[in-house]
Amino acid sequence: MHNSRLTIILPYKLDTTNDLITSRAGLLATSQLMDSLSLAERIDQHFPLPKSNRGYKPSEFIKTFILMQHEGSFHLDDIRHIQDDEALRTVLGLKKLPKATTLGDWLRRMGNQPQIQDAWVKVNKALLQSALHRCKKVTLDIDATEIVAHKAETQWTYNKNKGFMPMVGHIAQTGQVV
């Protein structure tokens, strides 16, 4: 028996760079979508603006929360992931970001104002009209979706797997998940 080694040469060259690099490039698409929907303008039109010209606009808070959520953040302190990512902040034009305590303070202030629900309804209505391609009526198709998992709190599904069965809604006319 002949013992030979197979050598594979990959067509890649490693190099170094001093350029800014981000591992959060996926957030660019999220930011671009928010911009194309004029989300900042819609939010600032309906949410209460800061009393000081040094304060953050409501759109800056909400955009930060959306970016954090799409990045996989679970805690307000996770804002540091975006704050420390100079490449991402440069590309998105984020010169200043609220700190975790500022985010929490804003959420508490907004949670205590009765008109905030109205602001959310108005912003969501405008976004839904755009997202649903101005459909006058939609059919919501709701069904459970099996997620197989191996966590302690999982249950047996009807398919005899350990996992979760969250409800998921689809809009029949557009195929969107809601």
Protein backbone atom coordinates (compact mmCIF):
# COMPACT_ATOMS: atom_id res chain seq x y z
CA MET A 1 0.00 0.00 0.00
CA HIS A 2 1.35 3.39 -1.01
CA ASN A 3 1.15 6.16 1.57
CA SER A 4 0.95 9.54 -0.11
CA ARG A 5 -0.23 12.90 1.12
CA LEU A 6 -2.62 15.01 -0.84
CA THR A 7 -1.56 18.65 -0.99
CA ILE A 8 -4.18 21.23 -1.79
CA ILE A 9 -3.15 24.75 -2.66
CA LEU A 10 -5.95 27.23 -2.23
CA PRO A 11 -6.00 30.23 -4.55
CA TYR A 12 -6.06 32.69 -1.65
CA LYS A 13 -3.47 35.10 -0.42
CA LEU A 14 -3.58 36.49 3.10
CA ASP A 15 -2.59 40.07 3.64
CA THR A 16 -2.88 42.77 6.25
CA THR A 17 -4.64 46.10 6.00
CA ASN A 18 -5.01 49.28 7.96
CA ASP A 19 -8.49 49.84 6.51
CA LEU A 20 -11.49 49.82 8.84
CA ILE A 21 -13.31 46.48 8.77
CA THR A 22 -16.65 45.46 10.28
CA SER A 23 -18.19 42.09 11.01
CA ARG A 24 -21.62 43.76 11.04
CA ALA A 25 -21.96 44.46 7.32
CA GLY A 26 -25.46 42.96 7.37
CA LEU A 27 -26.65 46.03 9.27
CA LEU A 28 -26.00 48.10 6.15
CA ALA A 29 -29.03 46.53 4.46
CA THR A 30 -31.18 47.21 7.52
CA SER A 31 -30.05 50.83 7.62
CA GLN A 32 -30.60 51.28 3.89
CA LEU A 33 -34.14 49.89 4.20
CA MET A 34 -34.89 52.31 7.04
CA ASP A 35 -33.59 55.17 4.88
CA SER A 36 -35.57 54.10 1.80
CA LEU A 37 -38.77 54.04 3.88
CA SER A 38 -38.00 57.53 5.29
CA LEU A 39 -38.35 55.98 8.72
CA ALA A 40 -36.47 58.75 10.55
CA GLU A 41 -38.73 61.44 9.11
CA ARG A 42 -41.87 59.47 9.92
CA ILE A 43 -40.75 58.87 13.52
CA ASP A 44 -39.69 62.47 14.14
CA GLN A 45 -43.02 63.68 12.72
CA HIS A 46 -45.09 61.71 15.26
CA PHE A 47 -42.92 61.21 18.37
CA PRO A 48 -42.20 64.02 20.84
CA LEU A 49 -38.95 65.81 19.99
CA PRO A 50 -36.31 66.58 22.65
CA LYS A 51 -36.75 69.78 24.61
CA SER A 52 -33.09 70.65 24.03
CA ASN A 53 -31.27 71.09 20.73
CA ARG A 54 -28.51 68.89 22.20
CA GLY A 55 -30.84 65.93 22.79
CA TYR A 56 -31.26 62.92 20.52
CA LYS A 57 -34.20 62.87 18.13
CA PRO A 58 -36.68 60.00 18.59
CA SER A 59 -35.54 58.53 15.25
CA GLU A 60 -31.97 58.27 16.57
CA PHE A 61 -33.16 56.19 19.51
CA ILE A 62 -35.41 53.93 17.44
CA LYS A 63 -32.84 53.46 14.67
CA THR A 64 -30.31 52.49 17.35
CA PHE A 65 -32.74 49.96 18.83
CA ILE A 66 -33.46 48.48 15.39
CA LEU A 67 -29.76 48.13 14.59
CA MET A 68 -29.12 46.57 18.00
CA GLN A 69 -31.98 44.11 17.54
CA HIS A 70 -30.79 43.07 14.09
CA GLU A 71 -27.29 42.66 15.48
CA GLY A 72 -28.65 40.20 18.05
CA SER A 73 -28.45 42.41 21.13
CA PHE A 74 -30.36 41.44 24.25
CA HIS A 75 -29.30 44.19 26.65
CA LEU A 76 -29.05 47.97 26.47
CA ASP A 77 -25.34 47.66 27.30
CA ASP A 78 -24.91 45.84 23.97
CA ILE A 79 -24.90 49.28 22.33
CA ARG A 80 -21.15 49.13 22.90
CA HIS A 81 -20.86 46.64 20.00
CA ILE A 82 -22.00 49.33 17.59
CA GLN A 83 -20.21 52.14 19.45
CA ASP A 84 -16.90 50.26 19.22
CA ASP A 85 -17.35 49.43 15.51
CA GLU A 86 -15.76 52.46 13.87
CA ALA A 87 -16.10 51.04 10.35
CA LEU A 88 -19.86 50.49 10.72
CA ARG A 89 -20.42 53.90 12.31
CA THR A 90 -18.44 55.54 9.51
CA VAL A 91 -20.37 53.83 6.71
CA LEU A 92 -23.75 54.52 8.37
CA GLY A 93 -22.82 58.09 9.28
CA LEU A 94 -23.43 57.48 12.98
CA LYS A 95 -21.39 60.29 14.52
CA LYS A 96 -22.97 59.99 17.95
CA LEU A 97 -24.92 57.17 19.57
CA PRO A 98 -26.85 57.23 22.83
CA LYS A 99 -25.27 55.38 25.75
CA ALA A 100 -27.07 52.48 27.44
CA THR A 101 -28.29 54.69 30.30
CA THR A 102 -29.62 57.26 27.82
CA LEU A 103 -31.47 54.52 25.91
CA GLY A 104 -33.05 53.29 29.15
CA ASP A 105 -34.01 56.81 30.25
CA TRP A 106 -35.70 57.45 26.87
CA LEU A 107 -37.64 54.17 27.04
CA ARG A 108 -38.88 55.00 30.54
CA ARG A 109 -39.90 58.54 29.47
CA MET A 110 -41.74 57.28 26.40
CA GLY A 111 -43.42 54.49 28.36
CA ASN A 112 -44.97 57.05 30.68
CA GLN A 113 -46.54 59.15 27.91
CA PRO A 114 -50.06 58.16 26.81
CA GLN A 115 -49.69 59.65 23.29
CA ILE A 116 -46.79 57.30 22.42
CA GLN A 117 -49.21 54.52 21.43
CA ASP A 118 -50.72 56.93 18.91
CA ALA A 119 -47.28 57.76 17.51
CA TRP A 120 -46.49 54.04 17.04
CA VAL A 121 -49.80 53.46 15.27
CA LYS A 122 -49.18 56.34 12.85
CA VAL A 123 -45.62 55.26 12.03
CA ASN A 124 -46.60 51.59 11.68
CA LYS A 125 -49.57 52.45 9.46
CA ALA A 126 -47.36 54.37 7.03
CA LEU A 127 -44.75 51.59 6.97
CA LEU A 128 -47.35 48.86 6.49
CA GLN A 129 -48.92 50.71 3.56
CA SER A 130 -45.53 50.74 1.88
CA ALA A 131 -44.59 47.16 2.83
CA LEU A 132 -47.94 45.71 1.80
CA HIS A 133 -47.84 47.38 -1.59
CA ARG A 134 -50.95 49.36 -0.71
CA CYS A 135 -53.17 46.25 -0.47
CA LYS A 136 -56.60 47.26 0.78
CA LYS A 137 -57.24 43.91 2.46
CA VAL A 138 -54.90 41.12 3.51
CA THR A 139 -55.35 37.53 4.59
CA LEU A 140 -53.30 36.52 7.62
CA ASP A 141 -52.42 32.82 7.50
CA ILE A 142 -51.35 31.67 10.96
CA ASP A 143 -49.68 28.33 11.66
CA ALA A 144 -47.31 26.79 14.17
CA THR A 145 -43.72 26.31 13.03
CA GLU A 146 -41.57 23.59 14.55
CA ILE A 147 -38.13 24.55 15.83
CA VAL A 148 -36.11 21.56 16.99
CA ALA A 149 -33.95 22.49 19.99
CA HIS A 150 -32.06 20.78 22.77
CA LYS A 151 -32.69 23.16 25.64
CA ALA A 152 -33.97 22.20 29.07
CA GLU A 153 -37.29 24.06 28.63
CA THR A 154 -38.25 22.37 25.32
CA GLN A 155 -41.35 20.23 24.99
CA TRP A 156 -42.19 17.29 22.75
CA THR A 157 -43.77 18.45 19.49
CA TYR A 158 -46.46 16.55 17.59
CA ASN A 159 -43.64 15.40 15.26
CA LYS A 160 -42.02 13.66 18.25
CA ASN A 161 -39.10 16.10 18.41
CA LYS A 162 -37.94 18.14 21.41
CA GLY A 163 -38.37 21.80 20.56
CA PHE A 164 -40.69 24.77 20.29
CA MET A 165 -43.83 25.44 18.23
CA PRO A 166 -44.17 29.22 17.91
CA MET A 167 -47.05 30.68 15.95
CA VAL A 168 -46.07 32.42 12.71
CA GLY A 169 -48.26 34.59 10.53
CA HIS A 170 -47.89 35.04 6.77
CA ILE A 171 -49.66 37.60 4.64
CA ALA A 172 -51.14 35.59 1.79
CA GLN A 173 -51.09 38.43 -0.76
CA THR A 174 -47.37 39.25 -0.34
CA GLY A 175 -45.80 36.18 1.26
CA GLN A 176 -44.40 38.30 4.09
CA VAL A 177 -43.88 36.89 7.57
CA VAL A 178 -45.43 39.03 10.29
